[in-house]
Protein backbone atom coordinates (compact mmCIF):
# COMPACT_ATOMS: atom_id res chain seq x y z
CA MET A 1 20.82 149.10 -19.98
CA VAL A 2 19.02 151.32 -22.24
CA ARG A 3 18.72 154.38 -20.06
CA ARG A 4 22.47 154.07 -19.78
CA HIS A 5 22.99 153.81 -23.41
CA VAL A 6 20.50 156.76 -24.41
CA LEU A 7 22.64 158.87 -21.79
CA GLU A 8 25.97 158.14 -23.16
CA SER A 9 25.01 158.82 -26.63
CA PRO A 10 23.21 162.39 -26.14
CA PRO A 11 21.83 162.90 -30.03
CA ALA A 12 19.48 159.82 -28.89
CA ARG A 13 15.94 160.33 -27.32
CA LEU A 14 14.81 157.84 -25.42
CA THR A 15 11.16 157.17 -26.85
CA PRO A 16 12.13 156.22 -30.23
CA VAL A 17 14.62 154.22 -29.07
CA VAL A 18 12.05 152.47 -26.91
CA ARG A 19 9.83 152.32 -29.70
CA GLU A 20 12.19 150.68 -32.19
CA MET A 21 13.30 148.13 -29.83
CA GLY A 22 9.31 147.05 -30.04
CA TRP A 23 8.66 148.00 -26.27
CA ALA A 24 5.56 149.77 -25.19
CA THR A 25 6.40 153.23 -24.11
CA SER A 26 3.75 153.41 -21.06
CA SER A 27 5.37 149.72 -19.95
CA PHE A 28 9.07 151.29 -19.81
CA PHE A 29 8.27 154.67 -18.19
CA ARG A 30 5.57 153.26 -15.72
CA THR A 31 6.89 153.90 -12.34
CA PRO A 32 6.09 150.82 -9.76
CA LYS A 33 3.99 151.52 -7.06
CA ALA A 34 4.18 150.45 -3.43
CA ALA A 35 2.19 147.55 -2.28
CA ARG A 36 -1.36 148.89 -0.56
CA LYS A 37 -1.11 148.44 2.87
CA ARG A 38 -4.56 147.41 4.63
CA PRO A 39 -6.51 150.41 6.27
CA GLY A 40 -6.94 150.01 10.17
CA PRO A 41 -5.70 148.01 12.88
CA LYS A 42 -4.27 144.47 12.45
CA PRO A 43 -6.92 141.61 12.73
CA ARG A 44 -6.59 139.70 16.31
CA PRO A 45 -5.86 136.34 16.53
CA LEU A 46 -8.85 134.02 17.21
CA ASP A 47 -9.72 132.39 20.38
CA PRO A 48 -8.77 128.65 19.51
CA ALA A 49 -11.47 126.94 21.80
CA LYS A 50 -14.06 128.80 19.79
CA ALA A 51 -12.39 128.21 16.39
CA GLN A 52 -12.11 124.56 17.39
CA ALA A 53 -15.87 124.37 18.01
CA VAL A 54 -16.75 126.05 14.99
CA ARG A 55 -14.75 123.50 12.95
CA GLU A 56 -16.15 120.40 14.61
CA THR A 57 -19.84 122.05 13.57
CA ALA A 58 -18.50 122.57 9.92
CA CYS A 59 -17.61 118.91 9.96
CA ALA A 60 -20.81 117.90 11.21
CA TYR A 61 -22.65 120.03 8.63
CA PRO A 62 -20.33 120.20 5.60
CA TRP A 63 -22.87 121.17 3.05
CA TRP A 64 -23.68 124.75 4.91
CA GLY A 65 -22.32 128.17 4.48
CA TYR A 66 -20.77 130.07 7.27
CA LYS A 67 -24.06 132.27 8.35
CA ARG A 68 -26.07 129.27 8.90
CA LEU A 69 -23.17 127.60 10.49
CA ALA A 70 -22.93 130.74 13.04
CA VAL A 71 -26.68 130.28 13.82
CA ILE A 72 -26.25 126.51 14.60
CA CYS A 73 -23.33 127.54 16.91
CA ARG A 74 -25.05 130.37 18.68
CA ARG A 75 -28.13 127.92 19.11
CA SER A 76 -25.97 125.44 21.14
CA GLY A 77 -24.57 128.35 23.38
CA LEU A 78 -21.37 129.26 21.62
CA GLU A 79 -21.10 133.43 21.39
CA VAL A 80 -19.58 134.04 17.94
CA SER A 81 -20.83 136.37 15.08
CA ASN A 82 -21.23 135.59 11.53
CA ARG A 83 -17.74 137.49 10.75
CA PHE A 84 -15.95 134.91 13.38
CA VAL A 85 -17.33 132.06 11.52
CA TYR A 86 -16.11 133.26 8.26
CA ARG A 87 -12.63 133.97 9.49
CA VAL A 88 -12.39 130.44 10.92
CA LEU A 89 -13.60 128.71 7.56
CA LYS A 90 -11.66 130.91 5.50
CA GLY A 91 -8.43 130.42 7.53
CA HIS A 92 -9.22 126.47 7.58
CA GLU A 93 -9.08 125.97 3.80
């Protein structure tokens, strides 16, 4: 609206008009940036059977962190990485 009004009346400059209205010129002239995309491939879906086993272990040891839970899962014969356990717990919140 302000730009249109300034363009209709040529003697007015846009910067003084914006300042007169009490707006910051840096905010008015800022061009919005597109949302950043995550680099790399999309994450693969988690294996539901392994995820359920990790959740059960986490319920059995509620105060332990993901690294310690990953060790317990590996000792029980479940092949999981620390990152897998972290993703399961992060998604379960």
